[in-house]
């Protein structure tokens, strides 16, 4: 395996805590296509440590990656950082119980041929940190339902009535949000 997010178990001394400091491009990390609403604007940073106890390796790390997301109310692009704390105990694949064949267990991973591939676990942890409905701020006023103007930037003269005529942009947004 040729990945910057792969750890060789035999490079860690038994009974000692070893640092993990990895900076890798989002594509190499396997997260570039993580979510349609998120654009990764910089490298993934993974910092923490690994502790090896015979053939088990405990990985404790923090993953951080800069992103750009659209506000769910006003559609303005916002820059932010996805952050996740990762805690996983890795064991050799041959120690996986038969009843877990093909299944995943939270906080427990398996490695094969002495190599721990962190990509899928980092991907899962970061996916949990993506907000379902990102907003630029609690006080975001969103878009006018009638004319589509960003109410954070300017006011509009539209009637505040749910029966008011809709423009094409707001009708398209309504269809997208209903799906």
Foldseek 3Di string as FASTA:
>chain_A
DDAQQKDFQVVDDAADKAKDWDWAQCVSLVQCPLDPQKHFDGTKIWIDIWHHHPQKIWDWIKIKTWIWGAALFARDIDIDMQMFIDTAIEGAPVPDDPVCVVHDDPRYYYDYPRMDRCSVVVSVRSSVRDDPGHHPDPPQPGADLAPGHRVVVHDDPDDPDPPDHHDPVNVVVVVVVVD
